[in-house]
Amino acid sequence: MARRVKLVIRLLPCLLALGCWLSVAPAARAQQNLFNVPSGLSTLPQHVFVQQQLNLSRPLGTSCTTVELGVTREFELGINVVNVPLYGHPGDDLAAPVHPGYLVNAQRGVSFGSHDQARLSLGTQLGGTQVGHPEWAPLEFTWAMGSLVLPQRGTRLFAGGYHANRALAGDGFPLGGLLGLELPLVPERLLFQVDYISGDRDISVAVAGLVIELPAGMQLSLGVQLPAPRSHNAFGFVVELTQRGFPLGRMASSGVEHVSQSPARDHL
């Protein structure tokens, strides 16, 4: 019985996110991450964005949940519940980011050109994780991200850098690079996506895969995780379900008329 209760608690963020997806119809454009790299694109004002990610590898599988609110143009606030173990044994090593973490986040961006052709964004995630009773450790991940849409086929390139503390990212140098690519394969239906977090820390991986556009503004992302050189991380798979955004008032009423989506798709 106790094991069942623990499993329900671990899956609770997933269930809450799924409830949001199923109860409302969407109408926005942004996605906080590619697979793991922040995209720098912002949630529309007074819209809510939800993203659920499952990281499946050996010996541990984890869940990460993100909920964002567009406060004003190019500014969003949100919460993250990360590294919730689904199977395996997290262990007690503070350097390994497998203890559930609870964070708040904020991002401010500025766009250039039509349809967000170029963007610069700054963001941070701050919170804590319980590594004992009653010991808590602070979590911090801060990034700067630039993106550019190429005229041909709408390909979007991402490049930036990050700072992360030991409790979140594991041992190693605290600074690193962020890279990403989105390549439309079938316009508004299917994209190829890849991202990379540099370094030799526990978060240093590359993920490559496909993003499938679903009805009602949702996306299903399927990727293969590859360890960064010298990182000793595991191979694995990533499954991500994203609700790209819906008007805040629609959570209370489903009768609000549909808001058109920006021609610029999207999306860390």
C-alpha atoms as a PDB file:
ATOM      1  CA  MET A   1       0.000   0.000   0.000  1.00  0.00           C
ATOM      2  CA  ALA A   2       2.812   2.402   0.917  1.00  0.00           C
ATOM      3  CA  ARG A   3       4.523   1.761  -2.420  1.00  0.00           C
ATOM      4  CA  ARG A   4       1.306   2.599  -4.271  1.00  0.00           C
ATOM      5  CA  VAL A   5       0.926   5.858  -2.358  1.00  0.00           C
ATOM      6  CA  LYS A   6       4.523   6.830  -3.200  1.00  0.00           C
ATOM      7  CA  LEU A   7       3.901   6.046  -6.890  1.00  0.00           C
ATOM      8  CA  VAL A   8       0.775   8.231  -6.939  1.00  0.00           C
ATOM      9  CA  ILE A   9       2.721  11.101  -5.323  1.00  0.00           C
ATOM     10  CA  ARG A  10       5.461  10.773  -7.933  1.00  0.00           C
ATOM     11  CA  LEU A  11       2.957  10.817 -10.780  1.00  0.00           C
ATOM     12  CA  LEU A  12       0.849  13.656  -9.342  1.00  0.00           C
ATOM     13  CA  PRO A  13       2.540  16.422 -11.403  1.00  0.00           C
ATOM     14  CA  CYS A  14       1.985  14.346 -14.557  1.00  0.00           C
ATOM     15  CA  LEU A  15      -1.688  13.869 -13.726  1.00  0.00           C
ATOM     16  CA  LEU A  16      -2.213  17.567 -13.004  1.00  0.00           C
ATOM     17  CA  ALA A  17      -0.560  18.550 -16.273  1.00  0.00           C
ATOM     18  CA  LEU A  18      -2.619  16.012 -18.182  1.00  0.00           C
ATOM     19  CA  GLY A  19      -5.773  17.370 -16.602  1.00  0.00           C
ATOM     20  CA  CYS A  20      -4.942  20.862 -17.855  1.00  0.00           C
ATOM     21  CA  TRP A  21      -4.375  19.537 -21.390  1.00  0.00           C
ATOM     22  CA  LEU A  22      -7.615  17.614 -21.515  1.00  0.00           C
ATOM     23  CA  SER A  23      -9.840  20.275 -19.954  1.00  0.00           C
ATOM     24  CA  VAL A  24      -9.131  23.235 -22.224  1.00  0.00           C
ATOM     25  CA  ALA A  25      -8.481  24.153 -25.840  1.00  0.00           C
ATOM     26  CA  PRO A  26      -5.220  25.973 -26.643  1.00  0.00           C
ATOM     27  CA  ALA A  27      -4.222  29.123 -28.462  1.00  0.00           C
ATOM     28  CA  ALA A  28      -0.620  30.205 -28.229  1.00  0.00           C
ATOM     29  CA  ARG A  29       2.813  29.574 -29.602  1.00  0.00           C
ATOM     30  CA  ALA A  30       5.551  29.153 -27.041  1.00  0.00           C
ATOM     31  CA  GLN A  31       7.387  26.182 -25.622  1.00  0.00           C
ATOM     32  CA  GLN A  32       9.897  26.647 -22.840  1.00  0.00           C
ATOM     33  CA  ASN A  33      12.355  23.943 -23.930  1.00  0.00           C
ATOM     34  CA  LEU A  34      13.482  22.126 -27.022  1.00  0.00           C
ATOM     35  CA  PHE A  35      14.170  18.822 -25.290  1.00  0.00           C
ATOM     36  CA  ASN A  36      16.416  20.098 -22.475  1.00  0.00           C
ATOM     37  CA  VAL A  37      17.729  23.439 -23.753  1.00  0.00           C
ATOM     38  CA  PRO A  38      15.676  26.593 -23.028  1.00  0.00           C
ATOM     39  CA  SER A  39      14.278  27.946 -26.283  1.00  0.00           C
ATOM     40  CA  GLY A  40      14.090  31.551 -25.110  1.00  0.00           C
ATOM     41  CA  LEU A  41      10.614  31.923 -26.630  1.00  0.00           C
ATOM     42  CA  SER A  42       7.980  33.364 -24.297  1.00  0.00           C
ATOM     43  CA  THR A  43       4.399  32.462 -23.449  1.00  0.00           C
ATOM     44  CA  LEU A  44       1.853  34.986 -24.723  1.00  0.00           C
ATOM     45  CA  PRO A  45       0.416  37.404 -22.128  1.00  0.00           C
ATOM     46  CA  GLN A  46      -2.398  35.909 -20.016  1.00  0.00           C
ATOM     47  CA  HIS A  47      -1.800  32.458 -21.509  1.00  0.00           C
ATOM     48  CA  VAL A  48      -0.767  29.268 -19.708  1.00  0.00           C
ATOM     49  CA  PHE A  49       1.786  26.826 -21.074  1.00  0.00           C
ATOM     50  CA  VAL A  50       2.182  23.216 -19.829  1.00  0.00           C
ATOM     51  CA  GLN A  51       4.907  20.707 -20.601  1.00  0.00           C
ATOM     52  CA  GLN A  52       5.426  17.166 -19.311  1.00  0.00           C
ATOM     53  CA  GLN A  53       8.679  15.301 -19.968  1.00  0.00           C
ATOM     54  CA  LEU A  54       9.672  11.712 -19.217  1.00  0.00           C
ATOM     55  CA  ASN A  55      13.380  10.800 -19.252  1.00  0.00           C
ATOM     56  CA  LEU A  56      13.754   7.044 -19.634  1.00  0.00           C
ATOM     57  CA  SER A  57      17.194   5.503 -19.166  1.00  0.00           C
ATOM     58  CA  ARG A  58      19.030   3.021 -16.969  1.00  0.00           C
ATOM     59  CA  PRO A  59      19.196   2.801 -14.049  1.00  0.00           C
ATOM     60  CA  LEU A  60      16.757   5.671 -13.442  1.00  0.00           C
ATOM     61  CA  GLY A  61      13.678   7.150 -15.074  1.00  0.00           C
ATOM     62  CA  THR A  62      12.475  10.631 -14.138  1.00  0.00           C
ATOM     63  CA  SER A  63       9.616  13.040 -14.767  1.00  0.00           C
ATOM     64  CA  CYS A  64       9.783  16.827 -15.209  1.00  0.00           C
ATOM     65  CA  THR A  65       6.748  19.121 -15.247  1.00  0.00           C
ATOM     66  CA  THR A  66       6.633  22.795 -16.267  1.00  0.00           C
ATOM     67  CA  VAL A  67       3.767  25.291 -16.021  1.00  0.00           C
ATOM     68  CA  GLU A  68       4.251  28.862 -17.316  1.00  0.00           C
ATOM     69  CA  LEU A  69       2.140  32.039 -17.242  1.00  0.00           C
ATOM     70  CA  GLY A  70       2.675  34.836 -19.744  1.00  0.00           C
ATOM     71  CA  VAL A  71       2.600  37.958 -17.548  1.00  0.00           C
ATOM     72  CA  THR A  72       3.347  40.652 -20.126  1.00  0.00           C
ATOM     73  CA  ARG A  73       4.777  40.658 -23.608  1.00  0.00           C
ATOM     74  CA  GLU A  74       8.145  38.837 -23.533  1.00  0.00           C
ATOM     75  CA  PHE A  75       7.945  38.132 -19.775  1.00  0.00           C
ATOM     76  CA  GLU A  76       6.805  34.912 -18.133  1.00  0.00           C
ATOM     77  CA  LEU A  77       6.764  33.307 -14.693  1.00  0.00           C
ATOM     78  CA  GLY A  78       6.345  29.647 -13.879  1.00  0.00           C
ATOM     79  CA  ILE A  79       7.073  26.606 -11.757  1.00  0.00           C
ATOM     80  CA  ASN A  80       9.086  23.451 -12.391  1.00  0.00           C
ATOM     81  CA  VAL A  81       8.916  20.081 -10.660  1.00  0.00           C
ATOM     82  CA  VAL A  82      11.999  18.209 -11.858  1.00  0.00           C
ATOM     83  CA  ASN A  83      13.817  14.904 -11.406  1.00  0.00           C
ATOM     84  CA  VAL A  84      10.851  13.049  -9.913  1.00  0.00           C
ATOM     85  CA  PRO A  85      11.960   9.372  -9.919  1.00  0.00           C
ATOM     86  CA  LEU A  86       9.653   7.014 -11.817  1.00  0.00           C
ATOM     87  CA  TYR A  87      11.772   3.888 -11.336  1.00  0.00           C
ATOM     88  CA  GLY A  88      15.226   3.007 -10.060  1.00  0.00           C
ATOM     89  CA  HIS A  89      16.967   4.257  -6.947  1.00  0.00           C
ATOM     90  CA  PRO A  90      17.932   7.938  -6.673  1.00  0.00           C
ATOM     91  CA  GLY A  91      20.576   7.393  -3.985  1.00  0.00           C
ATOM     92  CA  ASP A  92      21.800   9.965  -1.494  1.00  0.00           C
ATOM     93  CA  ASP A  93      24.613  11.699  -3.426  1.00  0.00           C
ATOM     94  CA  LEU A  94      23.966  15.448  -3.585  1.00  0.00           C
ATOM     95  CA  ALA A  95      26.082  15.687  -6.769  1.00  0.00           C
ATOM     96  CA  ALA A  96      23.640  13.502  -8.706  1.00  0.00           C
ATOM     97  CA  PRO A  97      20.499  15.481  -9.699  1.00  0.00           C
ATOM     98  CA  VAL A  98      17.984  12.714  -9.049  1.00  0.00           C
ATOM     99  CA  HIS A  99      16.226  14.086  -5.967  1.00  0.00           C
ATOM    100  CA  PRO A 100      12.896  15.773  -6.777  1.00  0.00           C
ATOM    101  CA  GLY A 101      13.387  19.513  -7.162  1.00  0.00           C
ATOM    102  CA  TYR A 102      10.884  22.342  -6.851  1.00  0.00           C
ATOM    103  CA  LEU A 103      11.673  25.609  -8.601  1.00  0.00           C
ATOM    104  CA  VAL A 104      10.172  28.897  -9.700  1.00  0.00           C
ATOM    105  CA  ASN A 105      11.357  30.454 -12.935  1.00  0.00           C
ATOM    106  CA  ALA A 106      11.304  33.756 -14.782  1.00  0.00           C
ATOM    107  CA  GLN A 107      12.303  34.752 -18.299  1.00  0.00           C
ATOM    108  CA  ARG A 108      12.566  38.087 -20.085  1.00  0.00           C
ATOM    109  CA  GLY A 109      13.106  38.332 -23.814  1.00  0.00           C
ATOM    110  CA  VAL A 110      13.319  40.777 -26.673  1.00  0.00           C
ATOM    111  CA  SER A 111      12.525  40.021 -30.317  1.00  0.00           C
ATOM    112  CA  PHE A 112      13.813  41.521 -33.548  1.00  0.00           C
ATOM    113  CA  GLY A 113      12.181  41.437 -36.969  1.00  0.00           C
ATOM    114  CA  SER A 114       8.796  40.037 -37.931  1.00  0.00           C
ATOM    115  CA  HIS A 115       7.481  36.787 -36.420  1.00  0.00           C
ATOM    116  CA  ASP A 116      10.315  36.607 -33.836  1.00  0.00           C
ATOM    117  CA  GLN A 117      12.921  36.180 -36.569  1.00  0.00           C
ATOM    118  CA  ALA A 118      15.663  36.864 -34.021  1.00  0.00           C
ATOM    119  CA  ARG A 119      15.460  36.792 -30.216  1.00  0.00           C
ATOM    120  CA  LEU A 120      17.564  37.304 -27.124  1.00  0.00           C
ATOM    121  CA  SER A 121      16.385  36.035 -23.722  1.00  0.00           C
ATOM    122  CA  LEU A 122      17.570  35.824 -20.127  1.00  0.00           C
ATOM    123  CA  GLY A 123      16.049  33.407 -17.652  1.00  0.00           C
ATOM    124  CA  THR A 124      16.573  31.658 -14.345  1.00  0.00           C
ATOM    125  CA  GLN A 125      15.190  28.790 -12.269  1.00  0.00           C
ATOM    126  CA  LEU A 126      15.580  28.924  -8.473  1.00  0.00           C
ATOM    127  CA  GLY A 127      14.392  26.459  -5.868  1.00  0.00           C
ATOM    128  CA  GLY A 128      15.421  23.581  -3.667  1.00  0.00           C
ATOM    129  CA  THR A 129      15.587  19.829  -3.245  1.00  0.00           C
ATOM    130  CA  GLN A 130      15.373  17.723  -0.110  1.00  0.00           C
ATOM    131  CA  VAL A 131      18.519  15.606   0.268  1.00  0.00           C
ATOM    132  CA  GLY A 132      17.832  14.433   3.804  1.00  0.00           C
ATOM    133  CA  HIS A 133      15.644  15.032   6.818  1.00  0.00           C
ATOM    134  CA  PRO A 134      15.414  17.970   7.188  1.00  0.00           C
ATOM    135  CA  GLU A 135      18.317  19.002   4.917  1.00  0.00           C
ATOM    136  CA  TRP A 136      17.500  20.994   1.778  1.00  0.00           C
ATOM    137  CA  ALA A 137      19.909  22.093  -0.940  1.00  0.00           C
ATOM    138  CA  PRO A 138      19.382  25.140  -3.191  1.00  0.00           C
ATOM    139  CA  LEU A 139      18.906  24.628  -6.939  1.00  0.00           C
ATOM    140  CA  GLU A 140      19.878  27.201  -9.572  1.00  0.00           C
ATOM    141  CA  PHE A 141      19.977  27.223 -13.367  1.00  0.00           C
ATOM    142  CA  THR A 142      20.432  30.522 -15.243  1.00  0.00           C
ATOM    143  CA  TRP A 143      20.676  30.973 -18.998  1.00  0.00           C
ATOM    144  CA  ALA A 144      21.122  33.435 -21.820  1.00  0.00           C
ATOM    145  CA  MET A 145      19.767  32.317 -25.193  1.00  0.00           C
ATOM    146  CA  GLY A 146      19.731  33.698 -28.706  1.00  0.00           C
ATOM    147  CA  SER A 147      17.749  32.303 -31.630  1.00  0.00           C
ATOM    148  CA  LEU A 148      17.545  33.057 -35.333  1.00  0.00           C
ATOM    149  CA  VAL A 149      15.061  31.891 -37.989  1.00  0.00           C
ATOM    150  CA  LEU A 150      16.662  31.228 -41.367  1.00  0.00           C
ATOM    151  CA  PRO A 151      14.659  32.336 -44.434  1.00  0.00           C
ATOM    152  CA  GLN A 152      14.870  28.891 -46.010  1.00  0.00           C
ATOM    153  CA  ARG A 153      12.187  26.523 -44.687  1.00  0.00           C
ATOM    154  CA  GLY A 154      11.854  28.303 -41.364  1.00  0.00           C
ATOM    155  CA  THR A 155      14.791  26.534 -39.727  1.00  0.00           C
ATOM    156  CA  ARG A 156      15.520  27.987 -36.274  1.00  0.00           C
ATOM    157  CA  LEU A 157      18.999  27.989 -34.716  1.00  0.00           C
ATOM    158  CA  PHE A 158      19.647  28.355 -30.961  1.00  0.00           C
ATOM    159  CA  ALA A 159      22.865  29.239 -29.134  1.00  0.00           C
ATOM    160  CA  GLY A 160      23.552  30.406 -25.613  1.00  0.00           C
ATOM    161  CA  GLY A 161      25.166  29.662 -22.287  1.00  0.00           C
ATOM    162  CA  TYR A 162      24.227  28.640 -18.743  1.00  0.00           C
ATOM    163  CA  HIS A 163      25.315  28.652 -15.107  1.00  0.00           C
ATOM    164  CA  ALA A 164      24.127  25.832 -12.828  1.00  0.00           C
ATOM    165  CA  ASN A 165      25.024  24.914  -9.263  1.00  0.00           C
ATOM    166  CA  ARG A 166      26.225  21.512  -8.072  1.00  0.00           C
ATOM    167  CA  ALA A 167      22.942  20.390  -6.528  1.00  0.00           C
ATOM    168  CA  LEU A 168      21.170  20.775  -9.890  1.00  0.00           C
ATOM    169  CA  ALA A 169      23.853  19.799 -12.405  1.00  0.00           C
ATOM    170  CA  GLY A 170      26.360  17.668 -10.523  1.00  0.00           C
ATOM    171  CA  ASP A 171      30.110  18.103 -10.197  1.00  0.00           C
ATOM    172  CA  GLY A 172      32.053  20.076 -12.776  1.00  0.00           C
ATOM    173  CA  PHE A 173      32.639  23.566 -14.092  1.00  0.00           C
ATOM    174  CA  PRO A 174      29.525  25.694 -13.393  1.00  0.00           C
ATOM    175  CA  LEU A 175      29.398  27.352 -16.845  1.00  0.00           C
ATOM    176  CA  GLY A 176      28.550  25.729 -20.170  1.00  0.00           C
ATOM    177  CA  GLY A 177      27.113  26.164 -23.629  1.00  0.00           C
ATOM    178  CA  LEU A 178      23.627  25.527 -25.048  1.00  0.00           C
ATOM    179  CA  LEU A 179      22.932  24.659 -28.693  1.00  0.00           C
ATOM    180  CA  GLY A 180      19.748  23.717 -30.559  1.00  0.00           C
ATOM    181  CA  LEU A 181      18.187  23.284 -33.979  1.00  0.00           C
ATOM    182  CA  GLU A 182      14.609  23.004 -35.262  1.00  0.00           C
ATOM    183  CA  LEU A 183      14.168  21.883 -38.861  1.00  0.00           C
ATOM    184  CA  PRO A 184      10.633  21.633 -40.327  1.00  0.00           C
ATOM    185  CA  LEU A 185      10.198  18.391 -42.254  1.00  0.00           C
ATOM    186  CA  VAL A 186       6.480  18.705 -43.014  1.00  0.00           C
ATOM    187  CA  PRO A 187       5.233  22.289 -42.494  1.00  0.00           C
ATOM    188  CA  GLU A 188       3.041  22.596 -39.366  1.00  0.00           C
ATOM    189  CA  ARG A 189       3.062  18.792 -38.981  1.00  0.00           C
ATOM    190  CA  LEU A 190       6.535  17.401 -38.266  1.00  0.00           C
ATOM    191  CA  LEU A 191       9.892  18.818 -37.160  1.00  0.00           C
ATOM    192  CA  PHE A 192      13.365  17.442 -36.566  1.00  0.00           C
ATOM    193  CA  GLN A 193      14.801  18.770 -33.321  1.00  0.00           C
ATOM    194  CA  VAL A 194      18.168  18.442 -31.606  1.00  0.00           C
ATOM    195  CA  ASP A 195      19.716  20.148 -28.586  1.00  0.00           C
ATOM    196  CA  TYR A 196      22.953  19.910 -26.621  1.00  0.00           C
ATOM    197  CA  ILE A 197      24.131  20.935 -23.143  1.00  0.00           C
ATOM    198  CA  SER A 198      27.931  21.074 -23.038  1.00  0.00           C
ATOM    199  CA  GLY A 199      30.272  19.985 -20.274  1.00  0.00           C
ATOM    200  CA  ASP A 200      30.920  16.788 -18.342  1.00  0.00           C
ATOM    201  CA  ARG A 201      28.216  17.215 -15.700  1.00  0.00           C
ATOM    202  CA  ASP A 202      25.068  15.203 -14.985  1.00  0.00           C
ATOM    203  CA  ILE A 203      22.965  17.462 -17.236  1.00  0.00           C
ATOM    204  CA  SER A 204      25.443  17.306 -20.154  1.00  0.00           C
ATOM    205  CA  VAL A 205      23.608  15.383 -22.875  1.00  0.00           C
ATOM    206  CA  ALA A 206      22.423  15.727 -26.446  1.00  0.00           C
ATOM    207  CA  VAL A 207      18.899  14.757 -27.509  1.00  0.00           C
ATOM    208  CA  ALA A 208      17.781  14.324 -31.122  1.00  0.00           C
ATOM    209  CA  GLY A 209      14.315  13.390 -32.328  1.00  0.00           C
ATOM    210  CA  LEU A 210      11.005  14.383 -33.857  1.00  0.00           C
ATOM    211  CA  VAL A 211       8.260  16.801 -32.830  1.00  0.00           C
ATOM    212  CA  ILE A 212       4.774  15.801 -34.013  1.00  0.00           C
ATOM    213  CA  GLU A 213       2.097  18.481 -34.168  1.00  0.00           C
ATOM    214  CA  LEU A 214      -1.185  17.180 -32.701  1.00  0.00           C
ATOM    215  CA  PRO A 215      -4.720  18.613 -32.758  1.00  0.00           C
ATOM    216  CA  ALA A 216      -5.705  21.348 -30.304  1.00  0.00           C
ATOM    217  CA  GLY A 217      -2.254  22.937 -30.315  1.00  0.00           C
ATOM    218  CA  MET A 218      -0.445  20.056 -28.640  1.00  0.00           C
ATOM    219  CA  GLN A 219       2.897  18.502 -29.527  1.00  0.00           C
ATOM    220  CA  LEU A 220       4.396  15.063 -28.962  1.00  0.00           C
ATOM    221  CA  SER A 221       8.207  14.983 -28.932  1.00  0.00           C
ATOM    222  CA  LEU A 222      10.182  11.733 -29.126  1.00  0.00           C
ATOM    223  CA  GLY A 223      13.957  11.786 -28.789  1.00  0.00           C
ATOM    224  CA  VAL A 224      17.075   9.709 -28.201  1.00  0.00           C
ATOM    225  CA  GLN A 225      19.421  10.868 -25.445  1.00  0.00           C
ATOM    226  CA  LEU A 226      23.178  10.705 -26.071  1.00  0.00           C
ATOM    227  CA  PRO A 227      25.784  11.458 -23.373  1.00  0.00           C
ATOM    228  CA  ALA A 228      28.082  14.428 -23.918  1.00  0.00           C
ATOM    229  CA  PRO A 229      31.780  13.550 -24.321  1.00  0.00           C
ATOM    230  CA  ARG A 230      33.490  12.852 -20.967  1.00  0.00           C
ATOM    231  CA  SER A 231      30.169  13.105 -19.100  1.00  0.00           C
ATOM    232  CA  HIS A 232      29.660   9.380 -18.349  1.00  0.00           C
ATOM    233  CA  ASN A 233      25.903   9.913 -18.633  1.00  0.00           C
ATOM    234  CA  ALA A 234      23.534   7.193 -19.807  1.00  0.00           C
ATOM    235  CA  PHE A 235      21.921   6.640 -23.166  1.00  0.00           C
ATOM    236  CA  GLY A 236      18.150   6.876 -23.032  1.00  0.00           C
ATOM    237  CA  PHE A 237      14.887   8.091 -24.496  1.00  0.00           C
ATOM    238  CA  VAL A 238      12.885  11.281 -23.978  1.00  0.00           C
ATOM    239  CA  VAL A 239       9.102  11.565 -24.340  1.00  0.00           C
ATOM    240  CA  GLU A 240       7.568  15.018 -24.094  1.00  0.00           C
ATOM    241  CA  LEU A 241       3.966  16.186 -24.300  1.00  0.00           C
ATOM    242  CA  THR A 242       3.433  19.930 -24.676  1.00  0.00           C
ATOM    243  CA  GLN A 243       0.419  22.184 -24.568  1.00  0.00           C
ATOM    244  CA  ARG A 244       1.744  25.286 -26.312  1.00  0.00           C
ATOM    245  CA  GLY A 245      -0.603  27.643 -24.505  1.00  0.00           C
ATOM    246  CA  PHE A 246      -4.221  28.532 -23.844  1.00  0.00           C
ATOM    247  CA  PRO A 247      -5.910  31.736 -22.618  1.00  0.00           C
ATOM    248  CA  LEU A 248      -6.017  31.937 -18.842  1.00  0.00           C
ATOM    249  CA  GLY A 249      -9.789  32.516 -18.798  1.00  0.00           C
ATOM    250  CA  ARG A 250     -10.361  29.295 -20.693  1.00  0.00           C
ATOM    251  CA  MET A 251      -9.474  27.249 -17.642  1.00  0.00           C
ATOM    252  CA  ALA A 252     -12.774  28.410 -16.149  1.00  0.00           C
ATOM    253  CA  SER A 253     -14.820  28.409 -19.319  1.00  0.00           C
ATOM    254  CA  SER A 254     -14.394  26.413 -22.518  1.00  0.00           C
ATOM    255  CA  GLY A 255     -16.693  28.701 -24.512  1.00  0.00           C
ATOM    256  CA  VAL A 256     -14.110  31.369 -25.332  1.00  0.00           C
ATOM    257  CA  GLU A 257     -13.537  31.874 -29.031  1.00  0.00           C
ATOM    258  CA  HIS A 258     -10.305  30.506 -30.499  1.00  0.00           C
ATOM    259  CA  VAL A 259      -7.301  32.828 -30.593  1.00  0.00           C
ATOM    260  CA  SER A 260      -5.211  32.548 -33.732  1.00  0.00           C
ATOM    261  CA  GLN A 261      -1.733  31.079 -33.397  1.00  0.00           C
ATOM    262  CA  SER A 262       1.353  33.048 -34.392  1.00  0.00           C
ATOM    263  CA  PRO A 263       2.896  31.949 -37.696  1.00  0.00           C
ATOM    264  CA  ALA A 264       6.142  31.464 -35.814  1.00  0.00           C
ATOM    265  CA  ARG A 265       5.801  28.042 -34.173  1.00  0.00           C
ATOM    266  CA  ASP A 266       6.882  27.976 -30.776  1.00  0.00           C
ATOM    267  CA  HIS A 267       9.458  26.837 -28.587  1.00  0.00           C
ATOM    268  CA  LEU A 268      13.609  24.438 -23.599  1.00  0.00           C
END
